[in-house]
Amino acid sequence: MIHHTWHEAETIKELKCVHADAKKYKVNNVLTPGKVYSLKNETDEFYFVIDNTGKIGGFKKEYFEEI
């Protein structure tokens, strides 16, 4: 249940959102292109960041670039 402590976890690195054009899900409500987000955890396919709602969200890596 490590995901319960991600919000308070130390930020791993900062990521910049490059686009919010999702094919399947509505991502543009919670990500803003050009905004910098704090990375809290990652897997091979997803970044887990604090999104615009103030909660942790898991997003595909294609939406971000490392800064």
PDB file of N, CA and C in Angstrom:
ATOM      1  N   MET A   1       0.824  -1.188   0.000  1.00  0.00           N
ATOM      2  CA  MET A   1       0.000   0.000   0.000  1.00  0.00           C
ATOM      3  C   MET A   1       0.869   1.253   0.000  1.00  0.00           C
ATOM      4  N   ILE A   2       1.970   1.161  -0.711  1.00  0.00           N
ATOM      5  CA  ILE A   2       2.902   2.278  -0.791  1.00  0.00           C
ATOM      6  C   ILE A   2       2.269   3.520  -1.413  1.00  0.00           C
ATOM      7  N   HIS A   3       1.266   3.336  -2.247  1.00  0.00           N
ATOM      8  CA  HIS A   3       0.641   4.473  -2.917  1.00  0.00           C
ATOM      9  C   HIS A   3      -0.027   5.430  -1.943  1.00  0.00           C
ATOM     10  N   HIS A   4      -0.278   5.015  -0.704  1.00  0.00           N
ATOM     11  CA  HIS A   4      -0.879   5.902   0.290  1.00  0.00           C
ATOM     12  C   HIS A   4       0.110   6.956   0.780  1.00  0.00           C
ATOM     13  N   THR A   5       1.394   6.718   0.611  1.00  0.00           N
ATOM     14  CA  THR A   5       2.395   7.666   1.107  1.00  0.00           C
ATOM     15  C   THR A   5       3.074   8.451  -0.017  1.00  0.00           C
ATOM     16  N   TRP A   6       2.675   8.247  -1.275  1.00  0.00           N
ATOM     17  CA  TRP A   6       3.311   8.944  -2.382  1.00  0.00           C
ATOM     18  C   TRP A   6       3.160  10.455  -2.287  1.00  0.00           C
ATOM     19  N   HIS A   7       2.037  10.936  -1.817  1.00  0.00           N
ATOM     20  CA  HIS A   7       1.793  12.380  -1.775  1.00  0.00           C
ATOM     21  C   HIS A   7       2.810  13.073  -0.870  1.00  0.00           C
ATOM     22  N   GLU A   8       3.166  12.431   0.227  1.00  0.00           N
ATOM     23  CA  GLU A   8       4.138  13.010   1.163  1.00  0.00           C
ATOM     24  C   GLU A   8       5.574  12.630   0.817  1.00  0.00           C
ATOM     25  N   ALA A   9       5.757  11.744  -0.130  1.00  0.00           N
ATOM     26  CA  ALA A   9       7.096  11.264  -0.485  1.00  0.00           C
ATOM     27  C   ALA A   9       7.932  12.385  -1.105  1.00  0.00           C
ATOM     28  N   GLU A  10       9.225  12.208  -1.026  1.00  0.00           N
ATOM     29  CA  GLU A  10      10.157  13.163  -1.619  1.00  0.00           C
ATOM     30  C   GLU A  10      10.010  13.150  -3.138  1.00  0.00           C
ATOM     31  N   THR A  11      10.093  14.329  -3.740  1.00  0.00           N
ATOM     32  CA  THR A  11       9.997  14.443  -5.190  1.00  0.00           C
ATOM     33  C   THR A  11      11.248  13.858  -5.833  1.00  0.00           C
ATOM     34  N   ILE A  12      11.060  12.959  -6.792  1.00  0.00           N
ATOM     35  CA  ILE A  12      12.185  12.310  -7.471  1.00  0.00           C
ATOM     36  C   ILE A  12      12.826  13.269  -8.461  1.00  0.00           C
ATOM     37  N   LYS A  13      11.997  13.906  -9.293  1.00  0.00           N
ATOM     38  CA  LYS A  13      12.470  14.903 -10.254  1.00  0.00           C
ATOM     39  C   LYS A  13      11.277  15.690 -10.759  1.00  0.00           C
ATOM     40  N   GLU A  14      11.555  16.713 -11.529  1.00  0.00           N
ATOM     41  CA  GLU A  14      10.508  17.560 -12.098  1.00  0.00           C
ATOM     42  C   GLU A  14      10.295  17.176 -13.563  1.00  0.00           C
ATOM     43  N   LEU A  15       9.039  17.173 -13.982  1.00  0.00           N
ATOM     44  CA  LEU A  15       8.674  16.848 -15.360  1.00  0.00           C
ATOM     45  C   LEU A  15       7.831  17.970 -15.943  1.00  0.00           C
ATOM     46  N   LYS A  16       8.034  18.248 -17.209  1.00  0.00           N
ATOM     47  CA  LYS A  16       7.247  19.258 -17.901  1.00  0.00           C
ATOM     48  C   LYS A  16       6.253  18.548 -18.818  1.00  0.00           C
ATOM     49  N   CYS A  17       4.994  18.932 -18.740  1.00  0.00           N
ATOM     50  CA  CYS A  17       3.963  18.353 -19.597  1.00  0.00           C
ATOM     51  C   CYS A  17       4.124  18.935 -20.999  1.00  0.00           C
ATOM     52  N   VAL A  18       4.227  18.068 -22.007  1.00  0.00           N
ATOM     53  CA  VAL A  18       4.408  18.526 -23.382  1.00  0.00           C
ATOM     54  C   VAL A  18       3.107  18.542 -24.169  1.00  0.00           C
ATOM     55  N   HIS A  19       2.153  17.686 -23.782  1.00  0.00           N
ATOM     56  CA  HIS A  19       0.834  17.716 -24.420  1.00  0.00           C
ATOM     57  C   HIS A  19      -0.172  16.977 -23.550  1.00  0.00           C
ATOM     58  N   ALA A  20      -1.444  17.225 -23.801  1.00  0.00           N
ATOM     59  CA  ALA A  20      -2.519  16.560 -23.057  1.00  0.00           C
ATOM     60  C   ALA A  20      -3.553  16.005 -24.027  1.00  0.00           C
ATOM     61  N   ASP A  21      -3.092  15.565 -25.189  1.00  0.00           N
ATOM     62  CA  ASP A  21      -3.975  15.031 -26.225  1.00  0.00           C
ATOM     63  C   ASP A  21      -4.050  13.514 -26.114  1.00  0.00           C
ATOM     64  N   ALA A  22      -4.921  13.045 -25.253  1.00  0.00           N
ATOM     65  CA  ALA A  22      -5.075  11.603 -25.055  1.00  0.00           C
ATOM     66  C   ALA A  22      -6.041  11.034 -26.076  1.00  0.00           C
ATOM     67  N   LYS A  23      -5.770   9.817 -26.519  1.00  0.00           N
ATOM     68  CA  LYS A  23      -6.640   9.164 -27.489  1.00  0.00           C
ATOM     69  C   LYS A  23      -7.840   8.510 -26.814  1.00  0.00           C
ATOM     70  N   LYS A  24      -7.650   8.018 -25.603  1.00  0.00           N
ATOM     71  CA  LYS A  24      -8.692   7.238 -24.957  1.00  0.00           C
ATOM     72  C   LYS A  24      -9.314   7.925 -23.741  1.00  0.00           C
ATOM     73  N   TYR A  25      -8.537   8.654 -22.969  1.00  0.00           N
ATOM     74  CA  TYR A  25      -9.017   9.244 -21.718  1.00  0.00           C
ATOM     75  C   TYR A  25      -8.965  10.762 -21.782  1.00  0.00           C
ATOM     76  N   LYS A  26      -9.699  11.419 -20.886  1.00  0.00           N
ATOM     77  CA  LYS A  26      -9.676  12.882 -20.814  1.00  0.00           C
ATOM     78  C   LYS A  26      -8.553  13.309 -19.875  1.00  0.00           C
ATOM     79  N   VAL A  27      -7.440  13.645 -20.446  1.00  0.00           N
ATOM     80  CA  VAL A  27      -6.274  14.046 -19.667  1.00  0.00           C
ATOM     81  C   VAL A  27      -6.197  15.568 -19.566  1.00  0.00           C
ATOM     82  N   ASN A  28      -6.786  16.275 -20.499  1.00  0.00           N
ATOM     83  CA  ASN A  28      -6.661  17.736 -20.520  1.00  0.00           C
ATOM     84  C   ASN A  28      -7.343  18.411 -19.333  1.00  0.00           C
ATOM     85  N   ASN A  29      -8.157  17.703 -18.566  1.00  0.00           N
ATOM     86  CA  ASN A  29      -8.763  18.273 -17.365  1.00  0.00           C
ATOM     87  C   ASN A  29      -7.792  18.299 -16.184  1.00  0.00           C
ATOM     88  N   VAL A  30      -6.789  17.447 -16.208  1.00  0.00           N
ATOM     89  CA  VAL A  30      -5.888  17.334 -15.060  1.00  0.00           C
ATOM     90  C   VAL A  30      -4.427  17.644 -15.378  1.00  0.00           C
ATOM     91  N   LEU A  31      -4.073  17.806 -16.643  1.00  0.00           N
ATOM     92  CA  LEU A  31      -2.719  18.188 -17.034  1.00  0.00           C
ATOM     93  C   LEU A  31      -2.776  19.436 -17.905  1.00  0.00           C
ATOM     94  N   THR A  32      -1.805  20.315 -17.722  1.00  0.00           N
ATOM     95  CA  THR A  32      -1.704  21.533 -18.513  1.00  0.00           C
ATOM     96  C   THR A  32      -0.378  21.522 -19.257  1.00  0.00           C
ATOM     97  N   PRO A  33      -0.413  21.543 -20.593  1.00  0.00           N
ATOM     98  CA  PRO A  33       0.845  21.582 -21.352  1.00  0.00           C
ATOM     99  C   PRO A  33       1.679  22.805 -20.959  1.00  0.00           C
ATOM    100  N   GLY A  34       2.977  22.571 -20.749  1.00  0.00           N
ATOM    101  CA  GLY A  34       3.889  23.636 -20.352  1.00  0.00           C
ATOM    102  C   GLY A  34       4.082  23.741 -18.848  1.00  0.00           C
ATOM    103  N   LYS A  35       3.215  23.147 -18.070  1.00  0.00           N
ATOM    104  CA  LYS A  35       3.323  23.207 -16.609  1.00  0.00           C
ATOM    105  C   LYS A  35       4.295  22.138 -16.115  1.00  0.00           C
ATOM    106  N   VAL A  36       4.993  22.428 -15.025  1.00  0.00           N
ATOM    107  CA  VAL A  36       5.955  21.507 -14.424  1.00  0.00           C
ATOM    108  C   VAL A  36       5.277  20.758 -13.275  1.00  0.00           C
ATOM    109  N   TYR A  37       5.464  19.446 -13.246  1.00  0.00           N
ATOM    110  CA  TYR A  37       4.856  18.582 -12.233  1.00  0.00           C
ATOM    111  C   TYR A  37       5.931  17.843 -11.457  1.00  0.00           C
ATOM    112  N   SER A  38       5.629  17.525 -10.195  1.00  0.00           N
ATOM    113  CA  SER A  38       6.549  16.798  -9.323  1.00  0.00           C
ATOM    114  C   SER A  38       6.333  15.301  -9.470  1.00  0.00           C
ATOM    115  N   LEU A  39       7.388  14.589  -9.839  1.00  0.00           N
ATOM    116  CA  LEU A  39       7.323  13.143  -9.994  1.00  0.00           C
ATOM    117  C   LEU A  39       7.491  12.490  -8.628  1.00  0.00           C
ATOM    118  N   LYS A  40       6.532  11.646  -8.269  1.00  0.00           N
ATOM    119  CA  LYS A  40       6.582  10.955  -6.983  1.00  0.00           C
ATOM    120  C   LYS A  40       6.947   9.482  -7.120  1.00  0.00           C
ATOM    121  N   ASN A  41       6.618   8.865  -8.258  1.00  0.00           N
ATOM    122  CA  ASN A  41       6.961   7.464  -8.494  1.00  0.00           C
ATOM    123  C   ASN A  41       6.862   7.212  -9.988  1.00  0.00           C
ATOM    124  N   GLU A  42       7.510   6.158 -10.472  1.00  0.00           N
ATOM    125  CA  GLU A  42       7.407   5.812 -11.882  1.00  0.00           C
ATOM    126  C   GLU A  42       7.542   4.312 -12.074  1.00  0.00           C
ATOM    127  N   THR A  43       6.971   3.845 -13.186  1.00  0.00           N
ATOM    128  CA  THR A  43       7.103   2.458 -13.613  1.00  0.00           C
ATOM    129  C   THR A  43       7.668   2.483 -15.023  1.00  0.00           C
ATOM    130  N   ASP A  44       7.723   1.350 -15.676  1.00  0.00           N
ATOM    131  CA  ASP A  44       8.234   1.305 -17.043  1.00  0.00           C
ATOM    132  C   ASP A  44       7.374   2.122 -17.994  1.00  0.00           C
ATOM    133  N   GLU A  45       6.078   2.199 -17.726  1.00  0.00           N
ATOM    134  CA  GLU A  45       5.139   2.823 -18.645  1.00  0.00           C
ATOM    135  C   GLU A  45       4.542   4.139 -18.154  1.00  0.00           C
ATOM    136  N   PHE A  46       4.500   4.339 -16.828  1.00  0.00           N
ATOM    137  CA  PHE A  46       3.769   5.467 -16.268  1.00  0.00           C
ATOM    138  C   PHE A  46       4.615   6.323 -15.325  1.00  0.00           C
ATOM    139  N   TYR A  47       4.272   7.614 -15.276  1.00  0.00           N
ATOM    140  CA  TYR A  47       4.757   8.539 -14.255  1.00  0.00           C
ATOM    141  C   TYR A  47       3.601   8.801 -13.305  1.00  0.00           C
ATOM    142  N   PHE A  48       3.884   8.887 -12.022  1.00  0.00           N
ATOM    143  CA  PHE A  48       2.885   9.226 -11.021  1.00  0.00           C
ATOM    144  C   PHE A  48       3.245  10.604 -10.472  1.00  0.00           C
ATOM    145  N   VAL A  49       2.405  11.587 -10.792  1.00  0.00           N
ATOM    146  CA  VAL A  49       2.672  12.978 -10.445  1.00  0.00           C
ATOM    147  C   VAL A  49       1.485  13.563  -9.693  1.00  0.00           C
ATOM    148  N   ILE A  50       1.715  14.698  -9.044  1.00  0.00           N
ATOM    149  CA  ILE A  50       0.617  15.449  -8.447  1.00  0.00           C
ATOM    150  C   ILE A  50       0.027  16.303  -9.559  1.00  0.00           C
ATOM    151  N   ASP A  51      -1.207  15.999  -9.953  1.00  0.00           N
ATOM    152  CA  ASP A  51      -1.820  16.677 -11.094  1.00  0.00           C
ATOM    153  C   ASP A  51      -2.542  17.962 -10.658  1.00  0.00           C
ATOM    154  N   ASN A  52      -3.306  18.560 -11.559  1.00  0.00           N
ATOM    155  CA  ASN A  52      -3.992  19.822 -11.288  1.00  0.00           C
ATOM    156  C   ASN A  52      -5.058  19.717 -10.207  1.00  0.00           C
ATOM    157  N   THR A  53      -5.520  18.520  -9.893  1.00  0.00           N
ATOM    158  CA  THR A  53      -6.522  18.343  -8.837  1.00  0.00           C
ATOM    159  C   THR A  53      -5.875  18.299  -7.454  1.00  0.00           C
ATOM    160  N   GLY A  54      -4.543  18.226  -7.410  1.00  0.00           N
ATOM    161  CA  GLY A  54      -3.830  18.139  -6.142  1.00  0.00           C
ATOM    162  C   GLY A  54      -3.657  16.719  -5.643  1.00  0.00           C
ATOM    163  N   LYS A  55      -4.068  15.755  -6.455  1.00  0.00           N
ATOM    164  CA  LYS A  55      -3.945  14.353  -6.085  1.00  0.00           C
ATOM    165  C   LYS A  55      -2.919  13.668  -6.985  1.00  0.00           C
ATOM    166  N   ILE A  56      -2.487  12.470  -6.581  1.00  0.00           N
ATOM    167  CA  ILE A  56      -1.552  11.694  -7.381  1.00  0.00           C
ATOM    168  C   ILE A  56      -2.308  11.059  -8.539  1.00  0.00           C
ATOM    169  N   GLY A  57      -1.766  11.201  -9.731  1.00  0.00           N
ATOM    170  CA  GLY A  57      -2.340  10.566 -10.909  1.00  0.00           C
ATOM    171  C   GLY A  57      -1.258   9.848 -11.682  1.00  0.00           C
ATOM    172  N   GLY A  58      -1.611   8.746 -12.309  1.00  0.00           N
ATOM    173  CA  GLY A  58      -0.678   7.985 -13.129  1.00  0.00           C
ATOM    174  C   GLY A  58      -0.928   8.286 -14.596  1.00  0.00           C
ATOM    175  N   PHE A  59       0.104   8.738 -15.295  1.00  0.00           N
ATOM    176  CA  PHE A  59      -0.018   9.140 -16.692  1.00  0.00           C
ATOM    177  C   PHE A  59       1.083   8.498 -17.515  1.00  0.00           C
ATOM    178  N   LYS A  60       0.785   8.205 -18.764  1.00  0.00           N
ATOM    179  CA  LYS A  60       1.788   7.647 -19.664  1.00  0.00           C
ATOM    180  C   LYS A  60       2.957   8.620 -19.805  1.00  0.00           C
ATOM    181  N   LYS A  61       4.122   8.072 -20.020  1.00  0.00           N
ATOM    182  CA  LYS A  61       5.335   8.892 -20.112  1.00  0.00           C
ATOM    183  C   LYS A  61       5.346   9.801 -21.339  1.00  0.00           C
ATOM    184  N   GLU A  62       4.533   9.502 -22.328  1.00  0.00           N
ATOM    185  CA  GLU A  62       4.517  10.304 -23.555  1.00  0.00           C
ATOM    186  C   GLU A  62       4.019  11.731 -23.330  1.00  0.00           C
ATOM    187  N   TYR A  63       3.360  12.004 -22.216  1.00  0.00           N
ATOM    188  CA  TYR A  63       2.846  13.340 -21.942  1.00  0.00           C
ATOM    189  C   TYR A  63       3.898  14.277 -21.345  1.00  0.00           C
ATOM    190  N   PHE A  64       5.065  13.749 -20.982  1.00  0.00           N
ATOM    191  CA  PHE A  64       6.061  14.527 -20.238  1.00  0.00           C
ATOM    192  C   PHE A  64       7.444  14.474 -20.882  1.00  0.00           C
ATOM    193  N   GLU A  65       8.249  15.464 -20.499  1.00  0.00           N
ATOM    194  CA  GLU A  65       9.681  15.438 -20.782  1.00  0.00           C
ATOM    195  C   GLU A  65      10.412  15.840 -19.516  1.00  0.00           C
ATOM    196  N   GLU A  66      11.571  15.270 -19.314  1.00  0.00           N
ATOM    197  CA  GLU A  66      12.372  15.592 -18.141  1.00  0.00           C
ATOM    198  C   GLU A  66      13.020  16.951 -18.307  1.00  0.00           C
ATOM    199  N   ILE A  67      13.099  17.697 -17.199  1.00  0.00           N
ATOM    200  CA  ILE A  67      13.777  19.007 -17.259  1.00  0.00           C
ATOM    201  C   ILE A  67      14.961  19.011 -16.324  1.00  0.00           C
TER     202      ILE A  67
END
